[in-house]
């Protein structure tokens, strides 16, 4: 098998418009044309477009309704250039690291992560965990 890259990650949500506002407004991703599948959803381009995030609305799927940020549970990571710039962008959109763990705008900061690169974690409105995998601490 000659695997080239991960093509897409699929997550499920409850509310498509709320999700669109988050992924377009907060993550600043570009929406892609999506075929007419059996479930409503949205596709987003990530980076150069070789990777995508696919989102479906399904009430019978596994949702994280009672979960909060957990970097050791299911999540996906977006590679970004700058820890400082990403942190500033998220703070400008209301995210903070000094709010209670059960706040939807909570950030977990790991500038000196043992992984060897800085990390920032947030959750989307359906509590899907998103890691920002930063190339530089700067």
C-alpha atoms as a PDB file:
ATOM      1  CA  UNK A   1       0.000   0.000   0.000  1.00  0.00           C
ATOM      2  CA  UNK A   2       1.381   3.390  -1.007  1.00  0.00           C
ATOM      3  CA  UNK A   3      -0.401   5.803   1.344  1.00  0.00           C
ATOM      4  CA  UNK A   4       0.028   9.431   0.318  1.00  0.00           C
ATOM      5  CA  UNK A   5      -1.702  11.406   3.090  1.00  0.00           C
ATOM      6  CA  UNK A   6      -4.856  11.620   5.175  1.00  0.00           C
ATOM      7  CA  UNK A   7      -7.555  12.859   2.802  1.00  0.00           C
ATOM      8  CA  UNK A   8     -10.219  13.869   5.311  1.00  0.00           C
ATOM      9  CA  UNK A   9     -11.497  13.617   8.841  1.00  0.00           C
ATOM     10  CA  UNK A  10     -15.249  13.328   9.408  1.00  0.00           C
ATOM     11  CA  UNK A  11     -16.949  14.673  12.503  1.00  0.00           C
ATOM     12  CA  UNK A  12     -20.619  14.787  13.431  1.00  0.00           C
ATOM     13  CA  UNK A  13     -22.543  17.725  14.829  1.00  0.00           C
ATOM     14  CA  UNK A  14     -26.063  18.700  15.907  1.00  0.00           C
ATOM     15  CA  UNK A  15     -26.473  22.106  14.276  1.00  0.00           C
ATOM     16  CA  UNK A  16     -25.116  22.775  10.789  1.00  0.00           C
ATOM     17  CA  UNK A  17     -25.372  26.582  10.823  1.00  0.00           C
ATOM     18  CA  UNK A  18     -23.734  26.902  14.256  1.00  0.00           C
ATOM     19  CA  UNK A  19     -20.967  24.616  12.997  1.00  0.00           C
ATOM     20  CA  UNK A  20     -20.579  26.644   9.780  1.00  0.00           C
ATOM     21  CA  UNK A  21     -20.162  29.835  11.825  1.00  0.00           C
ATOM     22  CA  UNK A  22     -17.440  28.192  13.929  1.00  0.00           C
ATOM     23  CA  UNK A  23     -15.419  26.536  11.146  1.00  0.00           C
ATOM     24  CA  UNK A  24     -15.719  29.528   8.813  1.00  0.00           C
ATOM     25  CA  UNK A  25     -15.454  32.278  11.435  1.00  0.00           C
ATOM     26  CA  UNK A  26     -13.137  30.875  14.097  1.00  0.00           C
ATOM     27  CA  UNK A  27     -10.992  28.457  12.103  1.00  0.00           C
ATOM     28  CA  UNK A  28     -11.226  30.561   8.924  1.00  0.00           C
ATOM     29  CA  UNK A  29     -11.563  27.486   6.704  1.00  0.00           C
ATOM     30  CA  UNK A  30     -12.895  27.635   3.164  1.00  0.00           C
ATOM     31  CA  UNK A  31     -16.082  25.715   2.453  1.00  0.00           C
ATOM     32  CA  UNK A  32     -15.994  23.264  -0.462  1.00  0.00           C
ATOM     33  CA  UNK A  33     -18.704  22.049  -2.783  1.00  0.00           C
ATOM     34  CA  UNK A  34     -20.201  18.890  -1.307  1.00  0.00           C
ATOM     35  CA  UNK A  35     -22.171  16.183  -3.113  1.00  0.00           C
ATOM     36  CA  UNK A  36     -25.772  15.607  -2.042  1.00  0.00           C
ATOM     37  CA  UNK A  37     -25.360  12.765   0.457  1.00  0.00           C
ATOM     38  CA  UNK A  38     -28.051  11.179   2.649  1.00  0.00           C
ATOM     39  CA  UNK A  39     -27.090  13.386   5.621  1.00  0.00           C
ATOM     40  CA  UNK A  40     -26.755  17.177   5.585  1.00  0.00           C
ATOM     41  CA  UNK A  41     -23.211  18.432   5.994  1.00  0.00           C
ATOM     42  CA  UNK A  42     -20.354  20.708   5.018  1.00  0.00           C
ATOM     43  CA  UNK A  43     -16.891  20.054   3.627  1.00  0.00           C
ATOM     44  CA  UNK A  44     -13.921  22.320   4.338  1.00  0.00           C
ATOM     45  CA  UNK A  45     -10.583  22.721   2.621  1.00  0.00           C
ATOM     46  CA  UNK A  46      -7.549  22.504   4.915  1.00  0.00           C
ATOM     47  CA  UNK A  47      -4.273  24.125   3.877  1.00  0.00           C
ATOM     48  CA  UNK A  48      -3.428  23.462   0.242  1.00  0.00           C
ATOM     49  CA  UNK A  49      -6.634  21.470  -0.202  1.00  0.00           C
ATOM     50  CA  UNK A  50      -5.167  17.984  -0.167  1.00  0.00           C
ATOM     51  CA  UNK A  51      -6.772  17.470   3.235  1.00  0.00           C
ATOM     52  CA  UNK A  52     -10.367  18.168   4.169  1.00  0.00           C
ATOM     53  CA  UNK A  53     -12.703  18.215   7.145  1.00  0.00           C
ATOM     54  CA  UNK A  54     -16.075  16.640   6.437  1.00  0.00           C
ATOM     55  CA  UNK A  55     -18.961  17.420   8.763  1.00  0.00           C
ATOM     56  CA  UNK A  56     -22.255  15.524   8.956  1.00  0.00           C
ATOM     57  CA  UNK A  57     -25.400  16.227  10.941  1.00  0.00           C
ATOM     58  CA  UNK A  58     -26.647  12.957  12.438  1.00  0.00           C
ATOM     59  CA  UNK A  59     -28.607  12.669  15.653  1.00  0.00           C
ATOM     60  CA  UNK A  60     -27.892   8.911  15.853  1.00  0.00           C
ATOM     61  CA  UNK A  61     -24.094   9.273  15.638  1.00  0.00           C
ATOM     62  CA  UNK A  62     -21.586   9.368  18.468  1.00  0.00           C
ATOM     63  CA  UNK A  63     -21.552  12.926  19.800  1.00  0.00           C
ATOM     64  CA  UNK A  64     -19.427  14.421  22.568  1.00  0.00           C
ATOM     65  CA  UNK A  65     -22.310  16.292  24.225  1.00  0.00           C
ATOM     66  CA  UNK A  66     -21.000  15.863  27.780  1.00  0.00           C
ATOM     67  CA  UNK A  67     -17.274  16.062  26.986  1.00  0.00           C
ATOM     68  CA  UNK A  68     -14.820  18.911  27.266  1.00  0.00           C
ATOM     69  CA  UNK A  69     -11.241  19.356  26.063  1.00  0.00           C
ATOM     70  CA  UNK A  70      -9.350  16.094  26.394  1.00  0.00           C
ATOM     71  CA  UNK A  71      -6.136  16.002  24.375  1.00  0.00           C
ATOM     72  CA  UNK A  72      -5.865  12.249  24.935  1.00  0.00           C
ATOM     73  CA  UNK A  73      -9.298  11.518  23.477  1.00  0.00           C
ATOM     74  CA  UNK A  74     -10.449  11.667  19.857  1.00  0.00           C
ATOM     75  CA  UNK A  75      -9.370  14.907  18.174  1.00  0.00           C
ATOM     76  CA  UNK A  76      -7.852  16.241  15.005  1.00  0.00           C
ATOM     77  CA  UNK A  77      -4.890  18.580  14.652  1.00  0.00           C
ATOM     78  CA  UNK A  78      -4.380  21.513  12.323  1.00  0.00           C
ATOM     79  CA  UNK A  79      -0.765  22.385  11.590  1.00  0.00           C
ATOM     80  CA  UNK A  80      -0.233  26.142  11.889  1.00  0.00           C
ATOM     81  CA  UNK A  81       2.888  28.277  11.485  1.00  0.00           C
ATOM     82  CA  UNK A  82       2.883  30.359  14.631  1.00  0.00           C
ATOM     83  CA  UNK A  83       1.879  29.667  18.215  1.00  0.00           C
ATOM     84  CA  UNK A  84       1.829  33.391  19.007  1.00  0.00           C
ATOM     85  CA  UNK A  85      -0.278  34.358  15.982  1.00  0.00           C
ATOM     86  CA  UNK A  86      -2.723  31.482  16.504  1.00  0.00           C
ATOM     87  CA  UNK A  87      -3.064  32.343  20.182  1.00  0.00           C
ATOM     88  CA  UNK A  88      -3.704  36.014  19.325  1.00  0.00           C
ATOM     89  CA  UNK A  89      -6.304  35.040  16.724  1.00  0.00           C
ATOM     90  CA  UNK A  90      -8.158  32.750  19.126  1.00  0.00           C
ATOM     91  CA  UNK A  91      -8.052  35.335  21.912  1.00  0.00           C
ATOM     92  CA  UNK A  92      -9.445  37.902  19.483  1.00  0.00           C
ATOM     93  CA  UNK A  93     -12.395  35.550  18.949  1.00  0.00           C
ATOM     94  CA  UNK A  94     -13.076  35.208  22.683  1.00  0.00           C
ATOM     95  CA  UNK A  95     -11.079  32.090  23.580  1.00  0.00           C
ATOM     96  CA  UNK A  96      -9.222  32.173  26.906  1.00  0.00           C
ATOM     97  CA  UNK A  97      -7.151  29.846  29.021  1.00  0.00           C
ATOM     98  CA  UNK A  98      -8.323  31.314  32.353  1.00  0.00           C
ATOM     99  CA  UNK A  99     -11.973  30.235  32.163  1.00  0.00           C
ATOM    100  CA  UNK A 100     -13.499  27.091  33.715  1.00  0.00           C
ATOM    101  CA  UNK A 101     -12.941  23.787  31.921  1.00  0.00           C
ATOM    102  CA  UNK A 102     -16.636  23.591  30.993  1.00  0.00           C
ATOM    103  CA  UNK A 103     -16.595  26.885  29.067  1.00  0.00           C
ATOM    104  CA  UNK A 104     -16.989  26.455  25.281  1.00  0.00           C
ATOM    105  CA  UNK A 105     -14.301  29.102  24.756  1.00  0.00           C
ATOM    106  CA  UNK A 106     -11.713  27.405  26.952  1.00  0.00           C
ATOM    107  CA  UNK A 107      -8.204  26.943  25.537  1.00  0.00           C
ATOM    108  CA  UNK A 108      -5.594  24.547  26.846  1.00  0.00           C
ATOM    109  CA  UNK A 109      -2.120  25.903  26.164  1.00  0.00           C
ATOM    110  CA  UNK A 110       0.970  23.728  25.919  1.00  0.00           C
ATOM    111  CA  UNK A 111       3.752  26.044  24.717  1.00  0.00           C
ATOM    112  CA  UNK A 112       6.413  23.603  25.935  1.00  0.00           C
ATOM    113  CA  UNK A 113       4.682  20.337  25.123  1.00  0.00           C
ATOM    114  CA  UNK A 114       6.710  17.146  25.550  1.00  0.00           C
ATOM    115  CA  UNK A 115       5.663  16.371  21.962  1.00  0.00           C
ATOM    116  CA  UNK A 116       8.387  18.790  20.852  1.00  0.00           C
ATOM    117  CA  UNK A 117       6.175  21.503  19.393  1.00  0.00           C
ATOM    118  CA  UNK A 118       3.744  24.010  20.924  1.00  0.00           C
ATOM    119  CA  UNK A 119       0.092  23.006  21.098  1.00  0.00           C
ATOM    120  CA  UNK A 120      -3.220  24.780  21.665  1.00  0.00           C
ATOM    121  CA  UNK A 121      -6.470  22.877  22.222  1.00  0.00           C
ATOM    122  CA  UNK A 122     -10.043  24.112  21.863  1.00  0.00           C
ATOM    123  CA  UNK A 123     -13.445  22.537  21.256  1.00  0.00           C
ATOM    124  CA  UNK A 124     -16.074  23.348  18.664  1.00  0.00           C
ATOM    125  CA  UNK A 125     -19.726  23.971  19.651  1.00  0.00           C
ATOM    126  CA  UNK A 126     -20.378  20.194  19.555  1.00  0.00           C
ATOM    127  CA  UNK A 127     -17.344  19.590  21.769  1.00  0.00           C
ATOM    128  CA  UNK A 128     -15.142  18.050  19.072  1.00  0.00           C
ATOM    129  CA  UNK A 129     -11.565  18.642  20.228  1.00  0.00           C
ATOM    130  CA  UNK A 130      -9.251  20.548  17.889  1.00  0.00           C
ATOM    131  CA  UNK A 131      -5.490  20.781  18.356  1.00  0.00           C
ATOM    132  CA  UNK A 132      -3.389  23.512  16.802  1.00  0.00           C
ATOM    133  CA  UNK A 133      -0.023  21.897  16.144  1.00  0.00           C
ATOM    134  CA  UNK A 134       2.316  24.889  15.937  1.00  0.00           C
ATOM    135  CA  UNK A 135       5.513  24.920  13.879  1.00  0.00           C
ATOM    136  CA  UNK A 136       7.035  27.755  15.926  1.00  0.00           C
ATOM    137  CA  UNK A 137       6.657  29.026  19.475  1.00  0.00           C
ATOM    138  CA  UNK A 138       7.933  32.466  18.454  1.00  0.00           C
END
